[in-house]
Amino acid sequence: MPTPYGNAYIRSVGRFVPAGRLTNQDLEKMVDTSDEWIRARTGIRERRILEPGLGNSYMAIRAARECLERADVNPIDLDAIIVGTVTPDTPFASTAGLVQQALGARRAWGFDLSSACSGFIFSLTVGAQMIESGRSQKVLVIGSDVMSSVVDYADRNTCVLFGDGAGAVLLERVPEAGYGILDFVHRVDGSGAEFLNIKAGGSRMPASIETVKNKLHFVFQDGRQVYKRAVTEMANVSLQVLANNHLNGKDLALFVPHQANLRIIEACAARLAIGMDRVVVNIDRYANTNGATIPLCLYDICVEQPRVNKGDYLLMSAFGAGFSWGSILLRWWQ
């Protein structure tokens, strides 16, 4: 939708993925699983794992630095930093504050946004609206998660799914009307909290000897329930945001979905009536990095193997714990 101060657009991207790789063959030695089983059900063949003790901010800072360097932007010019994450270094101070200090972005304020796998697109929407308001000129949005820190590697149902990584984008006001982030549709439904969560560590169930012994600080997922809702809801909001802008799947250059499960991605693409050749997929290399999946995909299509051109319509969509889900429509300007 047109705004008085113009739309926000993605000027630059950056990423950090740890050097450590955990392959399906490695997991075969840890739990009762197999490479064939994992690939058939998820599409994953390996995931990156951060060295213990480094923390989320280590990755977020490095992704942010590359993003700013690519744009030749001095950190002092940043107005705000938003980090979408559920695995901060500590409950507080915020990861955004640690990034701000490390970058030397003395003028910027910032905060963490917790919405699990929807964290990046929710953060991107908030950052875009800050640009659209006219109060901010440069907003850094980061999706970063150390999922290995909250995964039980004795639980074969969850340990195969997740990896670590970080991606960052720089938002600015687009110089030309009709481009940038055009629209979004976001949703949340708290009734889904029981199906995907970390039960302990919050105010309702603080850490204790019992919570640690019972492994309540690790990710719990009812995979069947999550799959059913993700397939339905990601497609629904994607179709809605397209319809709101008088578009359909044929108009999209690329669909950039959250990388949770290849089957979910394929089902959403089918609902949108777009071929997999127009769907960005890197789950095989990185697994589900939670808030980092979509910015890692953006890095792939902008830097590693450029696939976007001025005027292309891109649709981003995610589904995560909460339940939370949403889609963002943008028209590329570069």
Protein backbone atom coordinates (compact mmCIF):
# COMPACT_ATOMS: atom_id res chain seq x y z
CA MET A 1 0.00 0.00 0.00
CA PRO A 2 1.34 3.51 -0.79
CA THR A 3 2.67 5.36 2.23
CA PRO A 4 3.32 9.11 2.72
CA TYR A 5 7.05 8.56 3.12
CA GLY A 6 7.47 5.69 0.64
CA ASN A 7 7.95 1.95 1.04
CA ALA A 8 10.93 0.26 2.61
CA TYR A 9 13.15 -1.93 0.46
CA ILE A 10 15.95 -4.40 1.07
CA ARG A 11 19.15 -2.62 0.11
CA SER A 12 21.64 -5.24 1.30
CA VAL A 13 21.93 -8.72 2.79
CA GLY A 14 24.52 -10.52 4.91
CA ARG A 15 24.81 -13.90 6.58
CA PHE A 16 26.82 -16.06 8.92
CA VAL A 17 26.72 -19.84 9.03
CA PRO A 18 29.00 -21.78 11.39
CA ALA A 19 31.77 -23.91 9.91
CA GLY A 20 30.73 -26.98 11.89
CA ARG A 21 28.57 -29.44 9.97
CA LEU A 22 26.33 -32.13 11.45
CA THR A 23 25.35 -34.52 8.67
CA ASN A 24 22.64 -37.15 8.60
CA GLN A 25 25.38 -39.75 8.76
CA ASP A 26 26.62 -38.16 11.98
CA LEU A 27 23.13 -38.36 13.45
CA GLU A 28 22.91 -42.04 12.54
CA LYS A 29 25.62 -42.61 15.14
CA MET A 30 23.74 -40.61 17.80
CA VAL A 31 20.09 -41.71 17.54
CA ASP A 32 18.00 -44.38 15.87
CA THR A 33 17.60 -42.75 12.45
CA SER A 34 18.99 -42.91 8.93
CA ASP A 35 19.99 -40.57 6.15
CA GLU A 36 17.25 -42.04 3.96
CA TRP A 37 14.58 -41.52 6.64
CA ILE A 38 15.60 -37.91 7.29
CA ARG A 39 15.82 -36.95 3.61
CA ALA A 40 12.50 -38.58 2.74
CA ARG A 41 10.59 -36.82 5.52
CA THR A 42 12.33 -33.45 5.72
CA GLY A 43 14.62 -32.87 2.73
CA ILE A 44 17.56 -32.21 5.07
CA ARG A 45 21.02 -33.71 4.54
CA GLU A 46 23.11 -31.56 6.91
CA ARG A 47 22.91 -28.63 9.29
CA ARG A 48 25.43 -26.10 10.67
CA ILE A 49 26.26 -26.12 14.40
CA LEU A 50 27.79 -23.19 16.29
CA GLU A 51 30.78 -23.83 18.52
CA PRO A 52 29.61 -24.01 22.15
CA GLY A 53 30.08 -20.85 24.20
CA LEU A 54 29.94 -18.35 21.35
CA GLY A 55 26.24 -17.46 21.56
CA ASN A 56 23.68 -15.97 19.24
CA SER A 57 25.22 -12.50 19.15
CA TYR A 58 28.41 -13.95 17.65
CA MET A 59 26.48 -14.95 14.53
CA ALA A 60 24.20 -11.92 14.43
CA ILE A 61 27.14 -9.50 14.59
CA ARG A 62 28.93 -11.19 11.70
CA ALA A 63 25.84 -11.29 9.51
CA ALA A 64 25.22 -7.61 10.30
CA ARG A 65 28.79 -6.61 9.45
CA GLU A 66 28.66 -8.28 6.05
CA CYS A 67 25.29 -6.70 5.31
CA LEU A 68 26.57 -3.20 6.09
CA GLU A 69 29.85 -3.74 4.25
CA ARG A 70 28.00 -4.78 1.11
CA ALA A 71 26.02 -1.55 1.23
CA ASP A 72 29.08 0.52 2.24
CA VAL A 73 27.08 1.87 5.19
CA ASN A 74 28.72 3.06 8.39
CA PRO A 75 27.07 1.54 11.50
CA ILE A 76 26.86 5.01 13.01
CA ASP A 77 24.18 5.81 10.41
CA LEU A 78 21.81 3.08 11.63
CA ASP A 79 18.60 4.24 13.29
CA ALA A 80 17.44 0.90 14.69
CA ILE A 81 18.35 -2.78 15.01
CA ILE A 82 15.75 -5.54 15.32
CA VAL A 83 16.73 -9.15 15.99
CA GLY A 84 14.20 -11.93 15.46
CA THR A 85 15.30 -14.75 17.75
CA VAL A 86 14.19 -17.24 20.38
CA THR A 87 17.73 -18.15 21.44
CA PRO A 88 19.30 -14.93 22.78
CA ASP A 89 22.66 -15.05 24.55
CA THR A 90 20.79 -14.36 27.79
CA PRO A 91 17.15 -13.54 28.65
CA PHE A 92 18.38 -9.94 28.86
CA ALA A 93 20.25 -7.82 27.82
CA SER A 94 18.88 -8.06 24.30
CA THR A 95 20.83 -9.52 21.41
CA ALA A 96 20.07 -6.30 19.53
CA GLY A 97 21.90 -4.36 22.25
CA LEU A 98 24.93 -6.62 21.95
CA VAL A 99 24.94 -6.19 18.18
CA GLN A 100 24.63 -2.41 18.54
CA GLN A 101 27.60 -2.25 20.89
CA ALA A 102 29.80 -4.51 18.77
CA LEU A 103 29.06 -2.59 15.57
CA GLY A 104 29.58 0.81 17.19
CA ALA A 105 26.09 1.84 16.07
CA ARG A 106 25.86 4.51 18.75
CA ARG A 107 22.81 6.29 17.30
CA ALA A 108 20.70 3.15 16.98
CA TRP A 109 18.16 1.79 19.40
CA GLY A 110 16.82 -1.72 19.13
CA PHE A 111 15.15 -4.79 20.57
CA ASP A 112 14.65 -8.52 20.14
CA LEU A 113 11.41 -9.88 18.72
CA SER A 114 10.39 -13.38 19.80
CA SER A 115 8.06 -15.19 17.44
CA ALA A 116 9.93 -18.41 16.66
CA CYS A 117 10.00 -19.28 12.96
CA SER A 118 7.92 -16.19 12.12
CA GLY A 119 10.42 -13.96 13.90
CA PHE A 120 12.18 -12.64 10.82
CA ILE A 121 9.12 -11.73 8.78
CA PHE A 122 7.47 -10.12 11.81
CA SER A 123 10.70 -8.18 12.47
CA LEU A 124 10.94 -7.20 8.81
CA THR A 125 7.40 -5.85 8.90
CA VAL A 126 8.12 -3.79 12.02
CA GLY A 127 11.30 -2.43 10.46
CA ALA A 128 9.47 -1.57 7.23
CA GLN A 129 6.81 0.33 9.13
CA MET A 130 9.50 2.31 10.94
CA ILE A 131 10.84 3.38 7.54
CA GLU A 132 7.33 4.11 6.24
CA SER A 133 6.61 6.33 9.25
CA GLY A 134 9.39 8.67 8.22
CA ARG A 135 11.05 8.38 11.65
CA SER A 136 13.81 6.01 10.49
CA GLN A 137 16.05 6.00 7.44
CA LYS A 138 18.15 2.88 8.01
CA VAL A 139 16.93 -0.17 9.93
CA LEU A 140 18.93 -3.36 10.32
CA VAL A 141 16.80 -6.50 10.63
CA ILE A 142 18.45 -9.77 11.69
CA GLY A 143 17.15 -13.32 12.00
CA SER A 144 19.51 -15.40 14.12
CA ASP A 145 19.11 -18.59 16.13
CA VAL A 146 21.33 -21.15 17.83
CA MET A 147 18.82 -23.98 17.72
CA SER A 148 21.47 -26.50 18.76
CA SER A 149 21.30 -24.91 22.22
CA VAL A 150 17.66 -25.95 22.69
CA VAL A 151 17.61 -29.33 20.92
CA ASP A 152 17.81 -32.69 22.68
CA TYR A 153 20.20 -34.79 20.60
CA ALA A 154 18.72 -37.93 22.10
CA ASP A 155 15.29 -37.12 20.63
CA ARG A 156 15.27 -38.32 17.04
CA ASN A 157 11.98 -36.54 16.30
CA THR A 158 13.46 -33.07 16.78
CA CYS A 159 17.25 -33.27 16.63
CA VAL A 160 17.25 -33.98 12.89
CA LEU A 161 15.26 -30.84 12.10
CA PHE A 162 17.29 -27.88 13.34
CA GLY A 163 20.52 -26.02 12.67
CA ASP A 164 22.23 -22.73 13.50
CA GLY A 165 22.64 -19.60 11.39
CA ALA A 166 22.07 -15.88 10.99
CA GLY A 167 20.98 -13.54 8.22
CA ALA A 168 20.67 -9.76 8.11
CA VAL A 169 19.05 -7.21 5.81
CA LEU A 170 19.32 -3.43 5.64
CA LEU A 171 16.07 -1.56 5.08
CA GLU A 172 15.91 1.91 3.55
CA ARG A 173 13.28 3.99 1.79
CA VAL A 174 12.89 2.88 -1.83
CA PRO A 175 13.76 5.70 -4.28
CA GLU A 176 10.98 4.80 -6.73
CA ALA A 177 7.25 4.39 -6.12
CA GLY A 178 5.67 0.98 -6.60
CA TYR A 179 8.64 -1.01 -5.31
CA GLY A 180 9.88 -2.39 -2.01
CA ILE A 181 7.76 -4.05 0.68
CA LEU A 182 4.21 -3.64 -0.58
CA ASP A 183 1.99 -5.50 1.85
CA PHE A 184 1.77 -8.18 4.54
CA VAL A 185 -0.74 -10.47 6.24
CA HIS A 186 0.23 -11.80 9.68
CA ARG A 187 -1.60 -13.98 12.17
CA VAL A 188 -1.18 -15.51 15.63
CA ASP A 189 -3.20 -18.20 17.41
CA GLY A 190 -2.24 -18.98 20.99
CA SER A 191 -4.23 -22.22 20.98
CA GLY A 192 -1.32 -23.76 19.09
CA ALA A 193 1.16 -23.15 21.91
CA GLU A 194 0.75 -26.68 23.27
CA PHE A 195 1.96 -28.25 20.03
CA LEU A 196 5.30 -26.46 19.62
CA ASN A 197 7.10 -25.01 22.61
CA ILE A 198 9.85 -25.06 25.21
CA LYS A 199 8.04 -25.80 28.44
CA ALA A 200 10.51 -24.59 31.07
CA GLY A 201 12.77 -21.61 31.59
CA GLY A 202 10.11 -18.91 31.74
CA SER A 203 8.23 -17.35 34.63
CA ARG A 204 5.60 -20.09 34.76
CA MET A 205 8.17 -22.86 35.12
CA PRO A 206 11.57 -21.43 36.14
CA ALA A 207 14.67 -23.57 35.79
CA SER A 208 15.12 -26.14 38.51
CA ILE A 209 16.82 -29.47 39.07
CA GLU A 210 13.56 -31.16 38.08
CA THR A 211 13.07 -29.21 34.85
CA VAL A 212 16.62 -29.95 33.76
CA LYS A 213 16.35 -33.64 34.70
CA ASN A 214 13.08 -33.94 32.76
CA LYS A 215 14.55 -32.20 29.69
CA LEU A 216 11.93 -29.46 29.72
CA HIS A 217 14.31 -26.83 28.34
CA PHE A 218 14.40 -28.46 24.91
CA VAL A 219 12.11 -27.99 21.92
CA PHE A 220 8.91 -30.04 22.05
CA GLN A 221 6.93 -30.53 18.85
CA ASP A 222 3.80 -32.42 17.88
CA GLY A 223 4.90 -32.81 14.29
CA ARG A 224 1.54 -33.93 12.91
CA GLN A 225 -0.34 -30.93 14.31
CA VAL A 226 2.33 -28.46 13.21
CA TYR A 227 2.46 -29.93 9.70
CA LYS A 228 -1.32 -29.70 9.20
CA ARG A 229 -1.56 -26.09 10.34
CA ALA A 230 1.61 -24.96 8.54
CA VAL A 231 0.51 -26.32 5.17
CA THR A 232 -2.91 -24.71 5.47
CA GLU A 233 -2.06 -21.38 7.06
CA MET A 234 1.09 -20.48 5.11
CA ALA A 235 -0.81 -20.99 1.88
CA ASN A 236 -3.88 -19.09 3.12
CA VAL A 237 -2.01 -15.90 4.05
CA SER A 238 0.10 -16.13 0.90
CA LEU A 239 -3.00 -16.31 -1.29
CA GLN A 240 -4.63 -13.52 0.70
CA VAL A 241 -1.77 -11.05 0.35
CA LEU A 242 -1.58 -11.78 -3.38
CA ALA A 243 -5.33 -11.29 -3.81
CA ASN A 244 -5.19 -8.05 -1.82
CA ASN A 245 -2.79 -6.75 -4.47
CA HIS A 246 -4.61 -8.22 -7.49
CA LEU A 247 -1.89 -10.80 -8.11
CA ASN A 248 -1.64 -14.58 -8.22
CA GLY A 249 1.05 -17.23 -8.22
CA LYS A 250 1.79 -16.67 -11.91
CA ASP A 251 2.94 -13.13 -11.13
CA LEU A 252 5.63 -14.26 -8.69
CA ALA A 253 9.26 -14.46 -9.73
CA LEU A 254 10.13 -16.31 -6.52
CA PHE A 255 8.46 -17.78 -3.46
CA VAL A 256 10.72 -17.61 -0.38
CA PRO A 257 9.26 -19.88 2.32
CA HIS A 258 10.42 -20.69 5.81
CA GLN A 259 12.60 -23.81 5.64
CA ALA A 260 10.96 -26.16 8.13
CA ASN A 261 10.19 -29.19 6.00
CA LEU A 262 10.45 -29.80 2.26
CA ARG A 263 7.00 -31.40 2.22
CA ILE A 264 5.45 -28.25 3.69
CA ILE A 265 7.26 -26.11 1.12
CA GLU A 266 6.07 -28.29 -1.75
CA ALA A 267 2.48 -28.29 -0.48
CA CYS A 268 2.44 -24.49 -0.23
CA ALA A 269 3.90 -24.14 -3.72
CA ALA A 270 1.17 -26.41 -5.06
CA ARG A 271 -1.54 -24.28 -3.41
CA LEU A 272 0.01 -21.18 -4.99
CA ALA A 273 0.19 -22.98 -8.37
CA ILE A 274 3.88 -22.25 -8.83
CA GLY A 275 6.56 -24.70 -9.92
CA MET A 276 9.42 -25.63 -7.63
CA ASP A 277 11.80 -23.90 -10.05
CA ARG A 278 10.43 -20.63 -8.62
CA VAL A 279 10.69 -21.72 -4.98
CA VAL A 280 13.83 -20.94 -2.97
CA VAL A 281 15.01 -24.03 -1.09
CA ASN A 282 18.15 -24.47 1.01
CA ILE A 283 16.80 -26.72 3.76
CA ASP A 284 19.05 -29.51 2.50
CA ARG A 285 22.14 -27.49 3.50
CA TYR A 286 21.03 -25.66 6.62
CA ALA A 287 17.93 -27.43 8.03
CA ASN A 288 15.51 -25.28 10.05
CA THR A 289 17.45 -22.33 11.45
CA ASN A 290 14.25 -20.80 12.83
CA GLY A 291 14.43 -17.00 12.47
CA ALA A 292 17.37 -17.23 10.06
CA THR A 293 15.83 -19.35 7.30
CA ILE A 294 14.33 -16.60 5.13
CA PRO A 295 17.31 -14.19 5.28
CA LEU A 296 19.60 -17.12 4.43
CA CYS A 297 17.39 -17.78 1.40
CA LEU A 298 17.58 -14.10 0.45
CA TYR A 299 21.36 -14.28 0.61
CA ASP A 300 21.31 -17.27 -1.74
CA ILE A 301 19.26 -15.47 -4.40
CA CYS A 302 20.95 -12.08 -4.01
CA VAL A 303 24.61 -13.03 -3.53
CA GLU A 304 25.45 -16.70 -4.04
CA GLN A 305 23.44 -17.28 -7.20
CA PRO A 306 21.67 -14.02 -8.09
CA ARG A 307 18.12 -14.71 -9.28
CA VAL A 308 16.29 -11.43 -8.66
CA ASN A 309 15.87 -8.47 -10.97
CA LYS A 310 14.25 -5.08 -10.70
CA GLY A 311 10.48 -5.40 -10.83
CA ASP A 312 10.33 -9.02 -9.67
CA TYR A 313 7.58 -9.90 -7.22
CA LEU A 314 8.77 -11.97 -4.26
CA LEU A 315 6.58 -13.57 -1.63
CA MET A 316 7.98 -14.57 1.77
CA SER A 317 6.00 -16.78 4.12
CA ALA A 318 6.61 -18.47 7.46
CA PHE A 319 4.87 -20.51 10.13
CA GLY A 320 6.08 -21.02 13.69
CA ALA A 321 5.34 -21.62 17.33
CA GLY A 322 2.58 -19.68 18.94
CA PHE A 323 1.12 -20.57 16.48
CA SER A 324 2.29 -17.59 14.42
CA TRP A 325 2.41 -17.18 10.67
CA GLY A 326 2.43 -14.60 7.93
CA SER A 327 3.42 -13.53 4.44
CA ILE A 328 5.12 -10.45 3.00
CA LEU A 329 4.85 -9.28 -0.60
CA LEU A 330 7.63 -7.17 -2.07
CA ARG A 331 8.65 -5.90 -5.48
CA TRP A 332 12.39 -5.91 -5.95
CA TRP A 333 14.23 -2.65 -6.54
CA GLN A 334 17.96 -2.91 -7.31
